[in-house]
Amino acid sequence: MAETGGYVACFMGDGALIYFGYPRSTDHAPRQAVHAALAINTKIKARRADNLKTYGVEVDARVGIHTGLAVIAEMGGGHRQATADVIGETPNIAARLEGLAEAGTVLISGETHRLVTGYFETVPRGLQQLKNISRPVETHQVVRATGATSRMEASDADSRTPMIGRQDEHQALHLIRDRVAAGEGRIVLISGEAGVGKSRLMESFVTPMAAAWPTQRACCTPHTQSTPFHPLRSLLSTEGRETLHTALGVDPQAHTTAASEREALLDAAVEHLLAYASDRPALLVIEDIHWADPSTLELIARIAERIAEKPLLLLATLRPEIQRAWFTWGQVEQI
């Protein structure tokens, strides 16, 4: 649960109550909750045969998820006082949805569905009248993640309104592109608060460029912050420690400490990504680096030291809460 931002409030018999967006509020809590629910069911299904063989029983999980307002309060008194109890309609609806879900499935409310649309494939299950809830509740069963990692990927292109008022940013991006095409690599950071249009600006610039320049894309996500080099693994299409080492030509047996092994991975990764633009201009896009793991941020910093050597344009989006010394270097542009 910690990897996906979940807070296990309590266990109730054969069930558990887990909060997302508490104790730290985030705008991606609904997505984290659904990812965690799918992961739980996947792991339980993977162990089904072992459980049947060892214990003689089949185990399945049912998950209910609802998003809404709740009251965080202290309950009880004296030595029986409990903190961080969530009271109100929100946990009640989640519990009722869990009871309604079929074994091995994830059932979410309409409120949660609207916040995760495009990130997950779902099947509508209609309006349900839940016990002690005065109104019918819209429900959807989650099938699988779509693979979308940004709002732009999750949204329907036909539903987007035209972009206006970004002429200055577009002009700056095109000037930088021309400098990179001439052989002088650059890193561009598109910074802004959530919802101001970072991804939209980036997409409007990248889409036509990708038709002419070799382009690779990766994204940092809240539930992969604890995975070292996660965007790099995505770019190399690798999963797991051994595969990443093999892809970069790093022999883990040749290193006696974790620090030296990490240095070798960083050095190899820098060479690999710079080589992507060895003989022609190339574009590398990494979205949402405010969710990047420390190794990824260090990798980008090291690329910044040498990017002027190659015609590589590294475009990254981020929120202003993240700041690094290399953001101010001459080869790094901020928009």
C-alpha atoms as a PDB file:
ATOM      1  CA  MET A   1       0.000   0.000   0.000  1.00  0.00           C
ATOM      2  CA  ALA A   2       2.810   2.430   0.794  1.00  0.00           C
ATOM      3  CA  GLU A   3       4.045   2.291  -2.809  1.00  0.00           C
ATOM      4  CA  THR A   4       0.668   3.476  -4.118  1.00  0.00           C
ATOM      5  CA  GLY A   5       0.037   6.043  -1.389  1.00  0.00           C
ATOM      6  CA  GLY A   6      -2.471   3.982   0.572  1.00  0.00           C
ATOM      7  CA  TYR A   7      -2.959   4.351   4.320  1.00  0.00           C
ATOM      8  CA  VAL A   8      -4.239   1.183   5.998  1.00  0.00           C
ATOM      9  CA  ALA A   9      -6.648   2.491   8.623  1.00  0.00           C
ATOM     10  CA  CYS A  10      -7.782  -0.823  10.056  1.00  0.00           C
ATOM     11  CA  PHE A  11      -8.535  -4.478   9.444  1.00  0.00           C
ATOM     12  CA  MET A  12     -12.101  -5.676   9.868  1.00  0.00           C
ATOM     13  CA  GLY A  13     -12.391  -9.447   9.935  1.00  0.00           C
ATOM     14  CA  ASP A  14     -11.349 -10.565   6.459  1.00  0.00           C
ATOM     15  CA  GLY A  15     -11.407  -7.007   5.091  1.00  0.00           C
ATOM     16  CA  ALA A  16      -9.420  -3.783   5.322  1.00  0.00           C
ATOM     17  CA  LEU A  17     -10.226  -0.085   5.182  1.00  0.00           C
ATOM     18  CA  ILE A  18      -7.640   1.863   3.199  1.00  0.00           C
ATOM     19  CA  TYR A  19      -7.549   5.619   2.633  1.00  0.00           C
ATOM     20  CA  PHE A  20      -6.038   7.389  -0.365  1.00  0.00           C
ATOM     21  CA  GLY A  21      -5.542  11.152  -0.164  1.00  0.00           C
ATOM     22  CA  TYR A  22      -5.024  10.891   3.593  1.00  0.00           C
ATOM     23  CA  PRO A  23      -2.974  11.839   5.556  1.00  0.00           C
ATOM     24  CA  ARG A  24      -1.498  13.684   2.568  1.00  0.00           C
ATOM     25  CA  SER A  25      -3.993  15.062   0.083  1.00  0.00           C
ATOM     26  CA  THR A  26      -3.166  14.543  -3.613  1.00  0.00           C
ATOM     27  CA  ASP A  27      -5.034  15.092  -6.850  1.00  0.00           C
ATOM     28  CA  HIS A  28      -4.191  11.581  -8.068  1.00  0.00           C
ATOM     29  CA  ALA A  29      -5.542   9.653  -5.060  1.00  0.00           C
ATOM     30  CA  PRO A  30      -8.430   8.040  -7.029  1.00  0.00           C
ATOM     31  CA  ARG A  31      -6.020   6.692  -9.644  1.00  0.00           C
ATOM     32  CA  GLN A  32      -3.712   5.362  -6.946  1.00  0.00           C
ATOM     33  CA  ALA A  33      -6.610   3.607  -5.262  1.00  0.00           C
ATOM     34  CA  VAL A  34      -7.713   1.857  -8.455  1.00  0.00           C
ATOM     35  CA  HIS A  35      -4.141   0.845  -9.336  1.00  0.00           C
ATOM     36  CA  ALA A  36      -3.739  -0.596  -5.834  1.00  0.00           C
ATOM     37  CA  ALA A  37      -7.034  -2.498  -6.091  1.00  0.00           C
ATOM     38  CA  LEU A  38      -6.063  -4.065  -9.412  1.00  0.00           C
ATOM     39  CA  ALA A  39      -2.643  -4.994  -8.005  1.00  0.00           C
ATOM     40  CA  ILE A  40      -4.260  -6.695  -5.008  1.00  0.00           C
ATOM     41  CA  ASN A  41      -6.491  -8.820  -7.206  1.00  0.00           C
ATOM     42  CA  THR A  42      -3.625  -9.675  -9.558  1.00  0.00           C
ATOM     43  CA  LYS A  43      -1.405 -10.882  -6.715  1.00  0.00           C
ATOM     44  CA  ILE A  44      -4.185 -12.895  -5.108  1.00  0.00           C
ATOM     45  CA  LYS A  45      -5.039 -14.585  -8.418  1.00  0.00           C
ATOM     46  CA  ALA A  46      -1.357 -15.408  -8.947  1.00  0.00           C
ATOM     47  CA  ARG A  47      -1.315 -17.244  -5.599  1.00  0.00           C
ATOM     48  CA  ARG A  48      -4.632 -19.029  -6.066  1.00  0.00           C
ATOM     49  CA  ALA A  49      -3.109 -22.381  -7.033  1.00  0.00           C
ATOM     50  CA  ASP A  50      -0.627 -22.271  -4.132  1.00  0.00           C
ATOM     51  CA  ASN A  51      -3.371 -21.403  -1.650  1.00  0.00           C
ATOM     52  CA  LEU A  52      -5.534 -24.251  -2.905  1.00  0.00           C
ATOM     53  CA  LYS A  53      -2.673 -26.714  -2.722  1.00  0.00           C
ATOM     54  CA  THR A  54      -1.365 -25.572   0.668  1.00  0.00           C
ATOM     55  CA  TYR A  55      -4.543 -24.644   2.517  1.00  0.00           C
ATOM     56  CA  GLY A  56      -7.271 -26.296   0.480  1.00  0.00           C
ATOM     57  CA  VAL A  57      -9.142 -23.044  -0.113  1.00  0.00           C
ATOM     58  CA  GLU A  58      -9.537 -20.565  -2.957  1.00  0.00           C
ATOM     59  CA  VAL A  59      -9.049 -16.940  -1.995  1.00  0.00           C
ATOM     60  CA  ASP A  60     -10.504 -13.970  -3.871  1.00  0.00           C
ATOM     61  CA  ALA A  61     -10.774 -10.282  -3.092  1.00  0.00           C
ATOM     62  CA  ARG A  62     -13.547  -7.786  -3.713  1.00  0.00           C
ATOM     63  CA  VAL A  63     -12.804  -4.082  -3.698  1.00  0.00           C
ATOM     64  CA  GLY A  64     -15.148  -1.101  -3.485  1.00  0.00           C
ATOM     65  CA  ILE A  65     -13.931   2.459  -4.113  1.00  0.00           C
ATOM     66  CA  HIS A  66     -15.723   5.760  -3.661  1.00  0.00           C
ATOM     67  CA  THR A  67     -14.399   9.328  -3.741  1.00  0.00           C
ATOM     68  CA  GLY A  68     -15.958  12.161  -1.775  1.00  0.00           C
ATOM     69  CA  LEU A  69     -15.854  14.395   1.247  1.00  0.00           C
ATOM     70  CA  ALA A  70     -15.242  12.864   4.652  1.00  0.00           C
ATOM     71  CA  VAL A  71     -14.694  13.995   8.222  1.00  0.00           C
ATOM     72  CA  ILE A  72     -11.474  12.968   9.968  1.00  0.00           C
ATOM     73  CA  ALA A  73     -12.087  12.772  13.697  1.00  0.00           C
ATOM     74  CA  GLU A  74     -10.923  11.263  16.961  1.00  0.00           C
ATOM     75  CA  MET A  75     -13.285   8.597  18.214  1.00  0.00           C
ATOM     76  CA  GLY A  76     -13.630   6.955  21.610  1.00  0.00           C
ATOM     77  CA  GLY A  77     -12.001   8.120  24.801  1.00  0.00           C
ATOM     78  CA  GLY A  78      -9.228   7.405  27.277  1.00  0.00           C
ATOM     79  CA  HIS A  79      -7.029   4.449  26.400  1.00  0.00           C
ATOM     80  CA  ARG A  80      -9.537   3.386  23.754  1.00  0.00           C
ATOM     81  CA  GLN A  81      -9.263   6.638  21.832  1.00  0.00           C
ATOM     82  CA  ALA A  82      -8.528   6.115  18.128  1.00  0.00           C
ATOM     83  CA  THR A  83      -7.305   8.826  15.788  1.00  0.00           C
ATOM     84  CA  ALA A  84      -7.886   9.247  12.071  1.00  0.00           C
ATOM     85  CA  ASP A  85     -11.323   7.678  11.931  1.00  0.00           C
ATOM     86  CA  VAL A  86     -13.141   8.674   8.759  1.00  0.00           C
ATOM     87  CA  ILE A  87     -16.837   9.224   9.223  1.00  0.00           C
ATOM     88  CA  GLY A  88     -19.572  10.186   6.807  1.00  0.00           C
ATOM     89  CA  GLU A  89     -21.098   8.906   3.599  1.00  0.00           C
ATOM     90  CA  THR A  90     -17.844   8.296   1.699  1.00  0.00           C
ATOM     91  CA  PRO A  91     -16.530   5.264   3.632  1.00  0.00           C
ATOM     92  CA  ASN A  92     -20.073   3.916   3.895  1.00  0.00           C
ATOM     93  CA  ILE A  93     -20.547   3.926   0.111  1.00  0.00           C
ATOM     94  CA  ALA A  94     -17.115   2.308  -0.402  1.00  0.00           C
ATOM     95  CA  ALA A  95     -18.058  -0.472   2.023  1.00  0.00           C
ATOM     96  CA  ARG A  96     -21.418  -1.049   0.312  1.00  0.00           C
ATOM     97  CA  LEU A  97     -19.714  -1.210  -3.099  1.00  0.00           C
ATOM     98  CA  GLU A  98     -17.277  -3.799  -1.759  1.00  0.00           C
ATOM     99  CA  GLY A  99     -20.203  -5.924  -0.640  1.00  0.00           C
ATOM    100  CA  LEU A 100     -21.835  -5.549  -4.052  1.00  0.00           C
ATOM    101  CA  ALA A 101     -18.700  -6.379  -6.083  1.00  0.00           C
ATOM    102  CA  GLU A 102     -18.245  -9.848  -7.486  1.00  0.00           C
ATOM    103  CA  ALA A 103     -15.320 -11.947  -6.266  1.00  0.00           C
ATOM    104  CA  GLY A 104     -12.070 -10.913  -7.907  1.00  0.00           C
ATOM    105  CA  THR A 105     -13.393  -7.577  -9.173  1.00  0.00           C
ATOM    106  CA  VAL A 106     -13.134  -3.859  -8.423  1.00  0.00           C
ATOM    107  CA  LEU A 107     -16.331  -1.800  -8.264  1.00  0.00           C
ATOM    108  CA  ILE A 108     -16.154   2.001  -8.233  1.00  0.00           C
ATOM    109  CA  SER A 109     -18.714   4.759  -7.867  1.00  0.00           C
ATOM    110  CA  GLY A 110     -19.622   7.267 -10.552  1.00  0.00           C
ATOM    111  CA  GLU A 111     -17.716   9.974  -8.657  1.00  0.00           C
ATOM    112  CA  THR A 112     -14.523   7.927  -8.770  1.00  0.00           C
ATOM    113  CA  HIS A 113     -15.173   6.916 -12.379  1.00  0.00           C
ATOM    114  CA  ARG A 114     -15.297  10.530 -13.527  1.00  0.00           C
ATOM    115  CA  LEU A 115     -11.884  11.154 -11.962  1.00  0.00           C
ATOM    116  CA  VAL A 116     -10.180   8.130 -13.519  1.00  0.00           C
ATOM    117  CA  THR A 117     -11.893   8.032 -16.926  1.00  0.00           C
ATOM    118  CA  GLY A 118      -9.377   7.243 -19.648  1.00  0.00           C
ATOM    119  CA  TYR A 119      -6.864   5.725 -17.252  1.00  0.00           C
ATOM    120  CA  PHE A 120      -8.851   2.507 -16.841  1.00  0.00           C
ATOM    121  CA  GLU A 121     -11.145   0.373 -18.971  1.00  0.00           C
ATOM    122  CA  THR A 122     -14.462  -0.008 -17.186  1.00  0.00           C
ATOM    123  CA  VAL A 123     -17.882  -1.618 -17.654  1.00  0.00           C
ATOM    124  CA  PRO A 124     -21.004   0.230 -16.421  1.00  0.00           C
ATOM    125  CA  ARG A 125     -22.983  -1.646 -13.784  1.00  0.00           C
ATOM    126  CA  GLY A 126     -25.880   0.780 -13.591  1.00  0.00           C
ATOM    127  CA  LEU A 127     -27.502   2.612 -10.706  1.00  0.00           C
ATOM    128  CA  GLN A 128     -27.581   0.716  -7.429  1.00  0.00           C
ATOM    129  CA  GLN A 129     -29.624   1.429  -4.340  1.00  0.00           C
ATOM    130  CA  LEU A 130     -27.236   0.891  -1.447  1.00  0.00           C
ATOM    131  CA  LYS A 131     -28.259   0.287   2.137  1.00  0.00           C
ATOM    132  CA  ASN A 132     -28.467   3.490   4.238  1.00  0.00           C
ATOM    133  CA  ILE A 133     -27.755   5.660   1.167  1.00  0.00           C
ATOM    134  CA  SER A 134     -30.711   7.853   0.214  1.00  0.00           C
ATOM    135  CA  ARG A 135     -29.846   8.202  -3.464  1.00  0.00           C
ATOM    136  CA  PRO A 136     -29.056   5.627  -6.176  1.00  0.00           C
ATOM    137  CA  VAL A 137     -25.313   5.281  -6.767  1.00  0.00           C
ATOM    138  CA  GLU A 138     -23.813   4.974 -10.240  1.00  0.00           C
ATOM    139  CA  THR A 139     -21.402   2.030 -10.432  1.00  0.00           C
ATOM    140  CA  HIS A 140     -18.687   0.794 -12.791  1.00  0.00           C
ATOM    141  CA  GLN A 141     -16.552  -2.347 -12.751  1.00  0.00           C
ATOM    142  CA  VAL A 142     -12.863  -1.804 -13.496  1.00  0.00           C
ATOM    143  CA  VAL A 143     -11.434  -4.190 -16.075  1.00  0.00           C
ATOM    144  CA  ARG A 144      -7.841  -3.065 -16.532  1.00  0.00           C
ATOM    145  CA  ALA A 145      -5.540  -0.042 -16.789  1.00  0.00           C
ATOM    146  CA  THR A 146      -5.415   1.521 -20.255  1.00  0.00           C
ATOM    147  CA  GLY A 147      -1.746   2.435 -19.972  1.00  0.00           C
ATOM    148  CA  ALA A 148      -2.461   6.172 -20.077  1.00  0.00           C
ATOM    149  CA  THR A 149      -0.020   8.037 -17.855  1.00  0.00           C
ATOM    150  CA  SER A 150      -1.105  11.624 -18.405  1.00  0.00           C
ATOM    151  CA  ARG A 151      -4.350  13.563 -18.719  1.00  0.00           C
ATOM    152  CA  MET A 152      -3.598  14.140 -22.395  1.00  0.00           C
ATOM    153  CA  GLU A 153      -3.327  10.417 -23.067  1.00  0.00           C
ATOM    154  CA  ALA A 154      -6.447   9.727 -21.018  1.00  0.00           C
ATOM    155  CA  SER A 155      -8.595  12.404 -22.633  1.00  0.00           C
ATOM    156  CA  ASP A 156     -10.573  12.174 -25.849  1.00  0.00           C
ATOM    157  CA  ALA A 157      -8.869  14.295 -28.501  1.00  0.00           C
ATOM    158  CA  ASP A 158     -12.235  15.175 -30.049  1.00  0.00           C
ATOM    159  CA  SER A 159     -13.428  16.710 -26.768  1.00  0.00           C
ATOM    160  CA  ARG A 160     -10.541  19.134 -26.345  1.00  0.00           C
ATOM    161  CA  THR A 161     -11.157  22.821 -26.865  1.00  0.00           C
ATOM    162  CA  PRO A 162      -8.797  24.776 -29.146  1.00  0.00           C
ATOM    163  CA  MET A 163      -5.626  26.070 -27.516  1.00  0.00           C
ATOM    164  CA  ILE A 164      -5.394  29.858 -27.377  1.00  0.00           C
ATOM    165  CA  GLY A 165      -3.015  32.366 -25.820  1.00  0.00           C
ATOM    166  CA  ARG A 166       0.169  30.282 -25.972  1.00  0.00           C
ATOM    167  CA  GLN A 167       1.860  31.935 -28.931  1.00  0.00           C
ATOM    168  CA  ASP A 168       4.877  33.122 -26.910  1.00  0.00           C
ATOM    169  CA  GLU A 169       5.529  29.663 -25.505  1.00  0.00           C
ATOM    170  CA  HIS A 170       5.186  28.067 -28.934  1.00  0.00           C
ATOM    171  CA  GLN A 171       7.572  30.586 -30.450  1.00  0.00           C
ATOM    172  CA  ALA A 172      10.139  29.896 -27.718  1.00  0.00           C
ATOM    173  CA  LEU A 173       9.835  26.150 -28.237  1.00  0.00           C
ATOM    174  CA  HIS A 174      10.317  26.449 -31.981  1.00  0.00           C
ATOM    175  CA  LEU A 175      13.421  28.637 -31.549  1.00  0.00           C
ATOM    176  CA  ILE A 176      14.885  26.036 -29.207  1.00  0.00           C
ATOM    177  CA  ARG A 177      14.001  23.290 -31.680  1.00  0.00           C
ATOM    178  CA  ASP A 178      15.927  25.121 -34.413  1.00  0.00           C
ATOM    179  CA  ARG A 179      19.010  25.400 -32.173  1.00  0.00           C
ATOM    180  CA  VAL A 180      18.854  21.684 -31.408  1.00  0.00           C
ATOM    181  CA  ALA A 181      18.471  20.887 -35.115  1.00  0.00           C
ATOM    182  CA  ALA A 182      21.694  22.835 -35.656  1.00  0.00           C
ATOM    183  CA  GLY A 183      23.490  20.501 -33.249  1.00  0.00           C
ATOM    184  CA  GLU A 184      23.178  22.234 -29.883  1.00  0.00           C
ATOM    185  CA  GLY A 185      21.206  20.023 -27.473  1.00  0.00           C
ATOM    186  CA  ARG A 186      18.854  21.508 -24.887  1.00  0.00           C
ATOM    187  CA  ILE A 187      16.630  20.539 -21.984  1.00  0.00           C
ATOM    188  CA  VAL A 188      13.278  22.335 -21.826  1.00  0.00           C
ATOM    189  CA  LEU A 189      11.248  22.348 -18.613  1.00  0.00           C
ATOM    190  CA  ILE A 190       7.551  23.192 -18.952  1.00  0.00           C
ATOM    191  CA  SER A 191       6.552  24.140 -15.416  1.00  0.00           C
ATOM    192  CA  GLY A 192       3.174  24.986 -13.933  1.00  0.00           C
ATOM    193  CA  GLU A 193       0.570  24.057 -11.372  1.00  0.00           C
ATOM    194  CA  ALA A 194      -1.791  21.155 -11.975  1.00  0.00           C
ATOM    195  CA  GLY A 195      -4.395  21.919 -14.624  1.00  0.00           C
ATOM    196  CA  VAL A 196      -2.773  24.987 -16.217  1.00  0.00           C
ATOM    197  CA  GLY A 197      -2.134  23.194 -19.523  1.00  0.00           C
ATOM    198  CA  LYS A 198       1.434  21.882 -19.353  1.00  0.00           C
ATOM    199  CA  SER A 199       0.561  18.606 -21.042  1.00  0.00           C
ATOM    200  CA  ARG A 200      -1.599  20.369 -23.620  1.00  0.00           C
ATOM    201  CA  LEU A 201       1.224  22.740 -24.578  1.00  0.00           C
ATOM    202  CA  MET A 202       3.703  19.897 -24.701  1.00  0.00           C
ATOM    203  CA  GLU A 203       1.405  17.737 -26.826  1.00  0.00           C
ATOM    204  CA  SER A 204       0.713  20.496 -29.346  1.00  0.00           C
ATOM    205  CA  PHE A 205       4.467  20.917 -29.812  1.00  0.00           C
ATOM    206  CA  VAL A 206       5.486  17.257 -29.752  1.00  0.00           C
ATOM    207  CA  THR A 207       2.825  15.788 -32.052  1.00  0.00           C
ATOM    208  CA  PRO A 208       4.022  17.440 -35.285  1.00  0.00           C
ATOM    209  CA  MET A 209       7.676  17.027 -34.285  1.00  0.00           C
ATOM    210  CA  ALA A 210       7.283  13.287 -33.747  1.00  0.00           C
ATOM    211  CA  ALA A 211       6.441  12.915 -37.429  1.00  0.00           C
ATOM    212  CA  ALA A 212       9.852  14.297 -38.397  1.00  0.00           C
ATOM    213  CA  TRP A 213      12.181  13.495 -35.479  1.00  0.00           C
ATOM    214  CA  PRO A 214      12.850  10.147 -33.780  1.00  0.00           C
ATOM    215  CA  THR A 215      10.876  10.442 -30.541  1.00  0.00           C
ATOM    216  CA  GLN A 216      10.792   8.525 -27.302  1.00  0.00           C
ATOM    217  CA  ARG A 217       8.383   9.183 -24.435  1.00  0.00           C
ATOM    218  CA  ALA A 218       8.136   8.201 -20.798  1.00  0.00           C
ATOM    219  CA  CYS A 219       6.159   9.380 -17.807  1.00  0.00           C
ATOM    220  CA  CYS A 220       6.693   9.511 -14.053  1.00  0.00           C
ATOM    221  CA  THR A 221       3.699   8.478 -11.971  1.00  0.00           C
ATOM    222  CA  PRO A 222       2.777   8.626  -8.276  1.00  0.00           C
ATOM    223  CA  HIS A 223       2.747   4.850  -7.875  1.00  0.00           C
ATOM    224  CA  THR A 224       6.233   4.387  -9.400  1.00  0.00           C
ATOM    225  CA  GLN A 225       8.092   6.969  -7.309  1.00  0.00           C
ATOM    226  CA  SER A 226       9.833   4.200  -5.380  1.00  0.00           C
ATOM    227  CA  THR A 227      11.036   2.423  -8.547  1.00  0.00           C
ATOM    228  CA  PRO A 228      14.587   3.555  -9.450  1.00  0.00           C
ATOM    229  CA  PHE A 229      14.976   4.650 -13.075  1.00  0.00           C
ATOM    230  CA  HIS A 230      11.290   4.000 -13.814  1.00  0.00           C
ATOM    231  CA  PRO A 231      11.110   6.256 -16.933  1.00  0.00           C
ATOM    232  CA  LEU A 232      14.370   4.752 -18.195  1.00  0.00           C
ATOM    233  CA  ARG A 233      12.931   1.253 -17.815  1.00  0.00           C
ATOM    234  CA  SER A 234       9.956   2.422 -19.877  1.00  0.00           C
ATOM    235  CA  LEU A 235      12.194   3.872 -22.580  1.00  0.00           C
ATOM    236  CA  LEU A 236      14.200   0.656 -22.744  1.00  0.00           C
ATOM    237  CA  SER A 237      11.029  -1.466 -22.493  1.00  0.00           C
ATOM    238  CA  THR A 238      12.531  -3.367 -19.577  1.00  0.00           C
ATOM    239  CA  GLU A 239      11.091  -4.739 -16.393  1.00  0.00           C
ATOM    240  CA  GLY A 240      13.147  -5.853 -13.431  1.00  0.00           C
ATOM    241  CA  ARG A 241      16.653  -5.166 -12.183  1.00  0.00           C
ATOM    242  CA  GLU A 242      18.514  -7.785 -14.243  1.00  0.00           C
ATOM    243  CA  THR A 243      16.893  -6.702 -17.509  1.00  0.00           C
ATOM    244  CA  LEU A 244      17.813  -3.047 -16.940  1.00  0.00           C
ATOM    245  CA  HIS A 245      21.423  -4.004 -16.248  1.00  0.00           C
ATOM    246  CA  THR A 246      21.530  -6.158 -19.363  1.00  0.00           C
ATOM    247  CA  ALA A 247      20.038  -3.432 -21.544  1.00  0.00           C
ATOM    248  CA  LEU A 248      22.673  -0.967 -20.373  1.00  0.00           C
ATOM    249  CA  GLY A 249      25.556  -3.454 -20.430  1.00  0.00           C
ATOM    250  CA  VAL A 250      26.258  -3.189 -16.709  1.00  0.00           C
ATOM    251  CA  ASP A 251      27.490  -6.288 -14.864  1.00  0.00           C
ATOM    252  CA  PRO A 252      26.206  -6.125 -11.267  1.00  0.00           C
ATOM    253  CA  GLN A 253      28.774  -8.739 -10.216  1.00  0.00           C
ATOM    254  CA  ALA A 254      31.566  -6.322 -11.087  1.00  0.00           C
ATOM    255  CA  HIS A 255      30.544  -3.924  -8.310  1.00  0.00           C
ATOM    256  CA  THR A 256      31.124  -4.477  -4.621  1.00  0.00           C
ATOM    257  CA  THR A 257      28.816  -1.699  -3.402  1.00  0.00           C
ATOM    258  CA  ALA A 258      25.368  -0.461  -4.325  1.00  0.00           C
ATOM    259  CA  ALA A 259      26.808   3.046  -4.800  1.00  0.00           C
ATOM    260  CA  SER A 260      29.326   1.949  -7.427  1.00  0.00           C
ATOM    261  CA  GLU A 261      26.668  -0.100  -9.200  1.00  0.00           C
ATOM    262  CA  ARG A 262      24.356   2.926  -9.291  1.00  0.00           C
ATOM    263  CA  GLU A 263      27.180   5.074 -10.701  1.00  0.00           C
ATOM    264  CA  ALA A 264      27.773   2.541 -13.461  1.00  0.00           C
ATOM    265  CA  LEU A 265      24.063   2.515 -14.325  1.00  0.00           C
ATOM    266  CA  LEU A 266      23.955   6.321 -14.435  1.00  0.00           C
ATOM    267  CA  ASP A 267      27.033   6.540 -16.670  1.00  0.00           C
ATOM    268  CA  ALA A 268      25.702   3.870 -19.030  1.00  0.00           C
ATOM    269  CA  ALA A 269      22.244   5.456 -19.153  1.00  0.00           C
ATOM    270  CA  VAL A 270      23.683   8.867 -20.057  1.00  0.00           C
ATOM    271  CA  GLU A 271      25.692   7.347 -22.906  1.00  0.00           C
ATOM    272  CA  HIS A 272      22.679   5.375 -24.131  1.00  0.00           C
ATOM    273  CA  LEU A 273      20.344   8.370 -24.232  1.00  0.00           C
ATOM    274  CA  LEU A 274      22.891  10.716 -25.809  1.00  0.00           C
ATOM    275  CA  ALA A 275      23.582   8.082 -28.471  1.00  0.00           C
ATOM    276  CA  TYR A 276      19.916   8.291 -29.440  1.00  0.00           C
ATOM    277  CA  ALA A 277      20.819  11.600 -31.114  1.00  0.00           C
ATOM    278  CA  SER A 278      24.237  10.562 -32.360  1.00  0.00           C
ATOM    279  CA  ASP A 279      23.592  11.069 -36.076  1.00  0.00           C
ATOM    280  CA  ARG A 280      20.370  13.142 -36.299  1.00  0.00           C
ATOM    281  CA  PRO A 281      18.238  15.399 -34.103  1.00  0.00           C
ATOM    282  CA  ALA A 282      16.036  13.471 -31.690  1.00  0.00           C
ATOM    283  CA  LEU A 283      13.339  14.213 -29.128  1.00  0.00           C
ATOM    284  CA  LEU A 284      13.035  12.716 -25.654  1.00  0.00           C
ATOM    285  CA  VAL A 285       9.903  13.491 -23.594  1.00  0.00           C
ATOM    286  CA  ILE A 286       9.572  12.784 -19.864  1.00  0.00           C
ATOM    287  CA  GLU A 287       6.306  13.899 -18.289  1.00  0.00           C
ATOM    288  CA  ASP A 288       5.622  14.809 -14.657  1.00  0.00           C
ATOM    289  CA  ILE A 289       9.168  14.714 -13.274  1.00  0.00           C
ATOM    290  CA  HIS A 290       7.845  16.089  -9.965  1.00  0.00           C
ATOM    291  CA  TRP A 291       6.980  12.394  -9.414  1.00  0.00           C
ATOM    292  CA  ALA A 292      10.382  11.147 -10.562  1.00  0.00           C
ATOM    293  CA  ASP A 293      12.467   8.902  -8.352  1.00  0.00           C
ATOM    294  CA  PRO A 294      15.833  10.333  -7.149  1.00  0.00           C
ATOM    295  CA  SER A 295      17.843   8.226  -9.613  1.00  0.00           C
ATOM    296  CA  THR A 296      15.862   9.605 -12.554  1.00  0.00           C
ATOM    297  CA  LEU A 297      16.398  13.209 -11.432  1.00  0.00           C
ATOM    298  CA  GLU A 298      20.111  12.512 -11.087  1.00  0.00           C
ATOM    299  CA  LEU A 299      20.133  10.987 -14.570  1.00  0.00           C
ATOM    300  CA  ILE A 300      18.527  14.087 -16.100  1.00  0.00           C
ATOM    301  CA  ALA A 301      21.037  16.303 -14.268  1.00  0.00           C
ATOM    302  CA  ARG A 302      23.919  14.340 -15.745  1.00  0.00           C
ATOM    303  CA  ILE A 303      22.398  14.535 -19.201  1.00  0.00           C
ATOM    304  CA  ALA A 304      22.158  18.311 -18.717  1.00  0.00           C
ATOM    305  CA  GLU A 305      25.928  18.435 -18.186  1.00  0.00           C
ATOM    306  CA  ARG A 306      26.570  16.955 -21.636  1.00  0.00           C
ATOM    307  CA  ILE A 307      23.463  17.559 -23.724  1.00  0.00           C
ATOM    308  CA  ALA A 308      25.092  20.380 -25.694  1.00  0.00           C
ATOM    309  CA  GLU A 309      27.307  17.717 -27.311  1.00  0.00           C
ATOM    310  CA  LYS A 310      24.410  16.161 -29.247  1.00  0.00           C
ATOM    311  CA  PRO A 311      21.334  17.364 -31.195  1.00  0.00           C
ATOM    312  CA  LEU A 312      19.007  16.049 -28.461  1.00  0.00           C
ATOM    313  CA  LEU A 313      15.949  17.912 -27.190  1.00  0.00           C
ATOM    314  CA  LEU A 314      14.802  16.643 -23.795  1.00  0.00           C
ATOM    315  CA  LEU A 315      11.368  18.018 -22.971  1.00  0.00           C
ATOM    316  CA  ALA A 316      10.029  17.575 -19.433  1.00  0.00           C
ATOM    317  CA  THR A 317       6.882  18.728 -17.644  1.00  0.00           C
ATOM    318  CA  LEU A 318       6.773  19.406 -13.919  1.00  0.00           C
ATOM    319  CA  ARG A 319       5.089  21.304 -11.135  1.00  0.00           C
ATOM    320  CA  PRO A 320       6.819  24.269  -9.481  1.00  0.00           C
ATOM    321  CA  GLU A 321       7.272  22.558  -6.104  1.00  0.00           C
ATOM    322  CA  ILE A 322      10.307  20.717  -7.443  1.00  0.00           C
ATOM    323  CA  GLN A 323      13.508  22.770  -7.793  1.00  0.00           C
ATOM    324  CA  ARG A 324      17.059  21.650  -8.573  1.00  0.00           C
ATOM    325  CA  ALA A 325      20.306  23.569  -9.064  1.00  0.00           C
ATOM    326  CA  TRP A 326      20.631  22.325 -12.642  1.00  0.00           C
ATOM    327  CA  PHE A 327      17.372  24.034 -13.616  1.00  0.00           C
ATOM    328  CA  THR A 328      19.356  27.274 -13.935  1.00  0.00           C
ATOM    329  CA  TRP A 329      22.180  25.940 -16.093  1.00  0.00           C
ATOM    330  CA  GLY A 330      22.702  27.555 -19.484  1.00  0.00           C
ATOM    331  CA  GLN A 331      21.652  24.508 -21.476  1.00  0.00           C
ATOM    332  CA  VAL A 332      18.360  24.229 -19.578  1.00  0.00           C
ATOM    333  CA  GLU A 333      15.408  26.398 -20.627  1.00  0.00           C
ATOM    334  CA  GLN A 334      12.309  26.954 -18.488  1.00  0.00           C
ATOM    335  CA  ILE A 335       8.896  27.783 -19.927  1.00  0.00           C
END
